[in-house]
Amino acid sequence: MSETPKILVLAGRRSATLDPMAEARGVSHKCVVPVGGVPMIERVLRVIDEAFPDAPVFVSIEDFDTIRDQPTAAKLAAAGRITAVAAQHNIVDSVTDASRTSGFPFIITTADNVLMTPDSLHRLADEGRRSGADALVVVAEKQAIRAAHPDGQRRFYEFKDGGYSNCNMFWLGSPRALGAAEAFREGGQFAKKPERIVKAFGILNLIRFRMGRHSIARMFEFISRRFKVDIRPLIVEDGRLAIDVDNERTHRVAEEILAREGAPSK
C-alpha cells in the first residue's frame, strides 16, 4: 500500500470564455459536465478517495461552490480532507499557488481525467518516492491507447522508441519541479502547436523531437538539463489513462469506455 500522498486536482476554467462543452450543457465549468451521467469532477474525486481514503485533496477552482454539492466533494469536506485553492489564469500559476498551500511532494491531475484509476495513482505515488525525481510525467504508448479505443487520441509525440501521449498525471517531488512547469504556461498541447516546443524547450530539442532521433527517456534527459531538474517519464500500459475529456469526440470515447466497463452512472 502506498504512503498517503497529497493530490491536486485542476478544475478551473482556462479562460473567461465558457468551455464549449459546458456551454452546450448549460453549466459554468467543464468539470461539472456529466460523463456517463456523472459529473467529471465527481468521477475523479471518487477515484482519489478509493485509492487513498486519507489523502488530503486540493482543488484548484475559481469558486468551490461550483462543486460543493457533488457527493464526494461534500464527503471530503465533512471529513476536513478537501481544500479549495483559487485557480489562476494559467496552469503554471495555479500549480504554483496551490503548492504554497499543499507543500511537496504531491500528485497533480485534472478534473477531466475521468478514466484515471486507483492503481495508476498508487503506481505514480510509489514511483515518485522510489525514484527521488523532481518530477514524473505519466505517459502511455500509442498502441496501448489505440487498444483502449481506436479514436481515443489522434496526435502523439513520436520518438525513436514509439509514439506517446501524456496522461494528465504528474508527480512533483520538490519546488525545483516548478521550473519545469514553466514549459506549460501556454497550456502545453505541443503535439498540436510545435512552435511551443521552441519557446519551452529550445530549438535543439525541437529538432531532436522532429527528427525522432532519440528515445523518450533520452528526450527527458535533454529537458532535465535545460531546466536543471530531474524530470522523467513514467510509462504505463493502460492506454485509457491518456484519454481525457477535451471535446465532444473524447467525451463520446470516454462514455463508450465507461459503459463497456460497467462503470456506475450515478
Protein backbone atom coordinates (compact mmCIF):
# COMPACT_ATOMS: atom_id res chain seq x y z
CA MET A 1 0.00 0.00 0.00
CA SER A 2 1.37 3.42 -0.96
CA GLU A 3 2.02 6.06 1.65
CA THR A 4 -0.79 8.61 1.51
CA PRO A 5 0.12 11.42 -0.91
CA LYS A 6 -1.31 14.88 -1.34
CA ILE A 7 -3.30 15.33 -4.53
CA LEU A 8 -4.09 18.48 -6.50
CA VAL A 9 -7.00 18.47 -8.97
CA LEU A 10 -7.01 21.25 -11.57
CA ALA A 11 -10.68 22.09 -12.14
CA GLY A 12 -10.69 25.77 -13.07
CA ARG A 13 -11.63 27.46 -16.31
CA ARG A 14 -8.74 28.12 -18.69
CA SER A 15 -10.19 31.44 -19.81
CA ALA A 16 -13.10 33.79 -19.29
CA THR A 17 -14.72 32.21 -22.32
CA LEU A 18 -17.09 29.40 -21.43
CA ASP A 19 -15.88 25.96 -22.47
CA PRO A 20 -17.95 24.74 -25.46
CA MET A 21 -19.00 21.53 -23.70
CA ALA A 22 -20.03 23.46 -20.59
CA GLU A 23 -21.95 25.99 -22.68
CA ALA A 24 -23.77 23.26 -24.60
CA ARG A 25 -24.96 21.75 -21.31
CA GLY A 26 -25.78 24.98 -19.52
CA VAL A 27 -23.12 24.78 -16.79
CA SER A 28 -20.37 27.17 -15.78
CA HIS A 29 -17.41 24.77 -15.75
CA LYS A 30 -16.33 21.81 -17.83
CA CYS A 31 -15.54 19.92 -14.63
CA VAL A 32 -19.26 19.50 -13.88
CA VAL A 33 -20.18 18.27 -17.36
CA PRO A 34 -21.58 14.74 -16.93
CA VAL A 35 -19.79 11.78 -18.48
CA GLY A 36 -21.94 8.67 -18.39
CA GLY A 37 -24.37 10.52 -16.10
CA VAL A 38 -21.73 11.51 -13.52
CA PRO A 39 -20.02 14.95 -13.42
CA MET A 40 -16.35 14.71 -14.30
CA ILE A 41 -15.10 16.15 -11.02
CA GLU A 42 -17.23 13.63 -9.11
CA ARG A 43 -15.68 10.72 -11.01
CA VAL A 44 -12.15 11.98 -10.38
CA LEU A 45 -12.74 12.60 -6.66
CA ARG A 46 -14.27 9.13 -6.28
CA VAL A 47 -11.15 7.52 -7.74
CA ILE A 48 -8.88 9.56 -5.48
CA ASP A 49 -10.95 8.66 -2.42
CA GLU A 50 -10.91 4.97 -3.35
CA ALA A 51 -7.15 4.98 -3.92
CA PHE A 52 -6.21 6.96 -0.81
CA PRO A 53 -9.05 7.19 1.75
CA ASP A 54 -6.99 9.52 3.96
CA ALA A 55 -5.36 11.69 1.30
CA PRO A 56 -5.53 15.48 1.57
CA VAL A 57 -7.13 16.76 -1.62
CA PHE A 58 -6.65 20.24 -3.05
CA VAL A 59 -8.95 21.51 -5.79
CA SER A 60 -7.90 24.46 -7.91
CA ILE A 61 -11.11 26.23 -8.94
CA GLU A 62 -12.44 29.79 -9.03
CA ASP A 63 -15.33 29.13 -6.65
CA PHE A 64 -15.68 25.98 -4.53
CA ASP A 65 -19.46 26.41 -4.60
CA THR A 66 -19.26 25.14 -8.19
CA ILE A 67 -18.58 21.63 -6.87
CA ARG A 68 -19.62 21.85 -3.22
CA ASP A 69 -22.79 19.78 -3.73
CA GLN A 70 -21.05 16.92 -5.53
CA PRO A 71 -21.37 13.87 -3.23
CA THR A 72 -17.66 13.09 -2.91
CA ALA A 73 -16.70 16.75 -2.55
CA ALA A 74 -19.24 17.05 0.26
CA LYS A 75 -17.93 13.85 1.86
CA LEU A 76 -14.33 15.07 1.74
CA ALA A 77 -15.34 18.49 3.06
CA ALA A 78 -17.16 16.91 6.01
CA ALA A 79 -14.02 14.91 6.81
CA GLY A 80 -11.81 18.01 6.55
CA ARG A 81 -9.87 16.45 3.70
CA ILE A 82 -10.54 18.89 0.86
CA THR A 83 -9.09 22.37 0.42
CA ALA A 84 -10.08 24.82 -2.29
CA VAL A 85 -7.29 26.92 -3.78
CA ALA A 86 -8.05 29.76 -6.16
CA ALA A 87 -7.48 28.90 -9.81
CA GLN A 88 -5.33 31.36 -11.73
CA HIS A 89 -5.36 32.34 -15.40
CA ASN A 90 -2.93 29.62 -16.45
CA ILE A 91 -1.84 26.18 -15.31
CA VAL A 92 1.59 27.19 -14.03
CA ASP A 93 0.30 29.90 -11.70
CA SER A 94 -2.49 27.61 -10.50
CA VAL A 95 0.02 24.87 -9.64
CA THR A 96 2.50 27.30 -8.07
CA ASP A 97 -0.17 28.92 -5.88
CA ALA A 98 -1.58 25.55 -4.85
CA SER A 99 1.89 24.28 -3.90
CA ARG A 100 2.19 27.07 -1.34
CA THR A 101 -0.81 25.55 0.42
CA SER A 102 -0.18 21.86 -0.18
CA GLY A 103 3.59 21.67 0.14
CA PHE A 104 5.69 18.96 -1.55
CA PRO A 105 5.57 16.27 -2.78
CA PHE A 106 2.16 15.99 -4.43
CA ILE A 107 0.32 14.45 -7.36
CA ILE A 108 -1.38 16.61 -9.98
CA THR A 109 -4.27 15.53 -12.15
CA THR A 110 -7.14 17.23 -13.93
CA ALA A 111 -10.89 17.19 -13.41
CA ASP A 112 -11.43 15.82 -16.92
CA ASN A 113 -9.25 12.76 -16.26
CA VAL A 114 -12.31 10.53 -15.88
CA LEU A 115 -10.57 7.27 -16.87
CA MET A 116 -7.94 7.56 -14.14
CA THR A 117 -7.74 4.53 -11.85
CA PRO A 118 -6.75 3.88 -8.23
CA ASP A 119 -3.95 1.59 -9.43
CA SER A 120 -2.48 4.36 -11.58
CA LEU A 121 -2.45 6.74 -8.62
CA HIS A 122 -0.72 4.13 -6.45
CA ARG A 123 1.91 3.47 -9.06
CA LEU A 124 2.63 7.16 -9.54
CA ALA A 125 2.95 7.75 -5.79
CA ASP A 126 5.19 4.70 -5.35
CA GLU A 127 7.43 5.56 -8.29
CA GLY A 128 7.65 9.21 -7.26
CA ARG A 129 9.00 8.31 -3.84
CA ARG A 130 11.20 5.47 -5.09
CA SER A 131 12.80 7.48 -7.89
CA GLY A 132 13.59 10.63 -5.93
CA ALA A 133 12.92 12.60 -9.13
CA ASP A 134 11.89 16.24 -9.04
CA ALA A 135 9.00 15.41 -11.37
CA LEU A 136 7.40 12.46 -13.15
CA VAL A 137 5.16 12.71 -16.21
CA VAL A 138 2.83 9.76 -16.82
CA VAL A 139 2.67 8.73 -20.48
CA ALA A 140 1.15 5.85 -22.45
CA GLU A 141 2.31 4.33 -25.72
CA LYS A 142 0.36 4.72 -28.96
CA GLN A 143 -0.56 1.05 -29.37
CA ALA A 144 -1.88 0.84 -25.80
CA ILE A 145 -4.02 3.95 -26.32
CA ARG A 146 -5.45 2.69 -29.61
CA ALA A 147 -6.13 -0.68 -27.99
CA ALA A 148 -8.18 1.11 -25.34
CA HIS A 149 -10.14 2.94 -28.06
CA PRO A 150 -9.16 3.47 -31.71
CA ASP A 151 -10.39 7.09 -31.59
CA GLY A 152 -9.01 7.90 -28.15
CA GLN A 153 -6.09 10.05 -29.33
CA ARG A 154 -5.20 11.43 -32.75
CA ARG A 155 -1.88 13.13 -32.04
CA PHE A 156 1.22 11.61 -30.50
CA TYR A 157 4.75 12.62 -29.62
CA GLU A 158 6.89 10.46 -31.88
CA PHE A 159 10.22 9.22 -30.55
CA LYS A 160 12.76 6.65 -31.66
CA ASP A 161 11.08 4.01 -29.50
CA GLY A 162 7.49 4.85 -30.50
CA GLY A 163 4.67 7.33 -30.18
CA TYR A 164 3.42 8.52 -26.79
CA SER A 165 0.75 10.72 -25.25
CA ASN A 166 0.63 12.17 -21.75
CA CYS A 167 -1.97 11.08 -19.22
CA ASN A 168 -2.59 14.32 -17.28
CA MET A 169 -0.97 12.79 -14.20
CA PHE A 170 2.18 14.25 -12.68
CA TRP A 171 4.34 13.83 -9.59
CA LEU A 172 6.01 16.98 -8.27
CA GLY A 173 8.64 15.93 -5.79
CA SER A 174 10.23 19.26 -4.95
CA PRO A 175 9.90 23.02 -5.60
CA ARG A 176 12.54 22.63 -8.32
CA ALA A 177 9.86 20.98 -10.44
CA LEU A 178 8.06 24.31 -10.73
CA GLY A 179 10.85 25.49 -13.02
CA ALA A 180 9.97 22.74 -15.49
CA ALA A 181 6.29 23.57 -15.13
CA GLU A 182 7.01 26.88 -16.89
CA ALA A 183 7.01 24.88 -20.13
CA PHE A 184 3.23 24.55 -19.77
CA ARG A 185 2.47 28.23 -19.15
CA GLU A 186 0.69 28.48 -22.51
CA GLY A 187 -1.21 25.26 -21.91
CA GLY A 188 1.08 22.62 -23.42
CA GLN A 189 -0.52 20.89 -26.43
CA PHE A 190 2.92 20.64 -28.06
CA ALA A 191 1.75 17.97 -30.49
CA LYS A 192 -0.82 20.44 -31.85
CA LYS A 193 1.42 23.51 -31.71
CA PRO A 194 5.08 22.52 -32.20
CA GLU A 195 6.20 26.17 -32.11
CA ARG A 196 5.62 25.99 -28.36
CA ILE A 197 8.43 23.42 -28.12
CA VAL A 198 10.90 26.08 -29.23
CA LYS A 199 9.77 28.52 -26.55
CA ALA A 200 9.52 25.91 -23.83
CA PHE A 201 12.36 23.50 -24.57
CA GLY A 202 14.63 25.21 -27.12
CA ILE A 203 15.31 24.88 -30.81
CA LEU A 204 17.72 21.92 -30.47
CA ASN A 205 15.11 19.88 -28.65
CA LEU A 206 12.57 20.74 -31.36
CA ILE A 207 14.99 19.43 -33.98
CA ARG A 208 15.63 16.26 -31.98
CA PHE A 209 11.90 15.81 -31.45
CA ARG A 210 11.04 16.39 -35.11
CA MET A 211 13.73 14.01 -36.37
CA GLY A 212 12.75 11.26 -33.93
CA ARG A 213 16.41 10.71 -33.20
CA HIS A 214 16.07 9.81 -29.52
CA SER A 215 14.03 7.65 -27.18
CA ILE A 216 11.50 9.26 -24.88
CA ALA A 217 13.81 8.68 -21.91
CA ARG A 218 16.67 10.45 -23.73
CA MET A 219 14.46 13.40 -24.59
CA PHE A 220 13.54 13.80 -20.93
CA GLU A 221 17.25 13.84 -20.12
CA PHE A 222 17.70 16.77 -22.53
CA ILE A 223 14.71 18.55 -20.97
CA SER A 224 16.06 17.91 -17.46
CA ARG A 225 19.35 19.53 -18.37
CA ARG A 226 17.60 22.54 -19.86
CA PHE A 227 15.59 23.20 -16.71
CA LYS A 228 18.21 21.89 -14.24
CA VAL A 229 15.71 19.47 -12.70
CA ASP A 230 15.34 15.70 -12.71
CA ILE A 231 12.17 15.09 -14.73
CA ARG A 232 11.36 11.59 -16.01
CA PRO A 233 8.62 9.81 -17.94
CA LEU A 234 6.58 7.11 -16.23
CA ILE A 235 5.35 4.82 -18.98
CA VAL A 236 2.11 2.96 -18.19
CA GLU A 237 0.50 0.08 -20.04
CA ASP A 238 -3.10 1.23 -19.53
CA GLY A 239 -3.87 3.28 -22.64
CA ARG A 240 -7.16 4.56 -21.18
CA LEU A 241 -5.18 6.88 -18.95
CA ALA A 242 -4.19 9.06 -21.93
CA ILE A 243 -7.81 9.73 -22.89
CA ASP A 244 -9.13 12.77 -21.06
CA VAL A 245 -12.29 14.70 -21.98
CA ASP A 246 -11.16 17.66 -24.08
CA ASN A 247 -14.01 17.86 -26.60
CA GLU A 248 -17.15 16.15 -27.82
CA ARG A 249 -15.19 13.37 -29.51
CA THR A 250 -13.27 12.39 -26.38
CA HIS A 251 -16.46 12.84 -24.33
CA ARG A 252 -18.07 10.18 -26.53
CA VAL A 253 -14.99 7.95 -26.31
CA ALA A 254 -14.88 8.17 -22.50
CA GLU A 255 -18.58 7.33 -22.25
CA GLU A 256 -18.11 4.32 -24.52
CA ILE A 257 -15.19 3.02 -22.44
CA LEU A 258 -17.03 3.55 -19.15
CA ALA A 259 -20.16 1.83 -20.49
CA ARG A 260 -18.08 -1.09 -21.74
CA GLU A 261 -16.56 -1.48 -18.30
CA GLY A 262 -19.88 -1.16 -16.50
CA ALA A 263 -18.90 1.97 -14.59
CA PRO A 264 -21.56 3.46 -12.26
CA SER A 265 -23.79 6.06 -13.92
CA LYS A 266 -24.84 7.79 -10.71
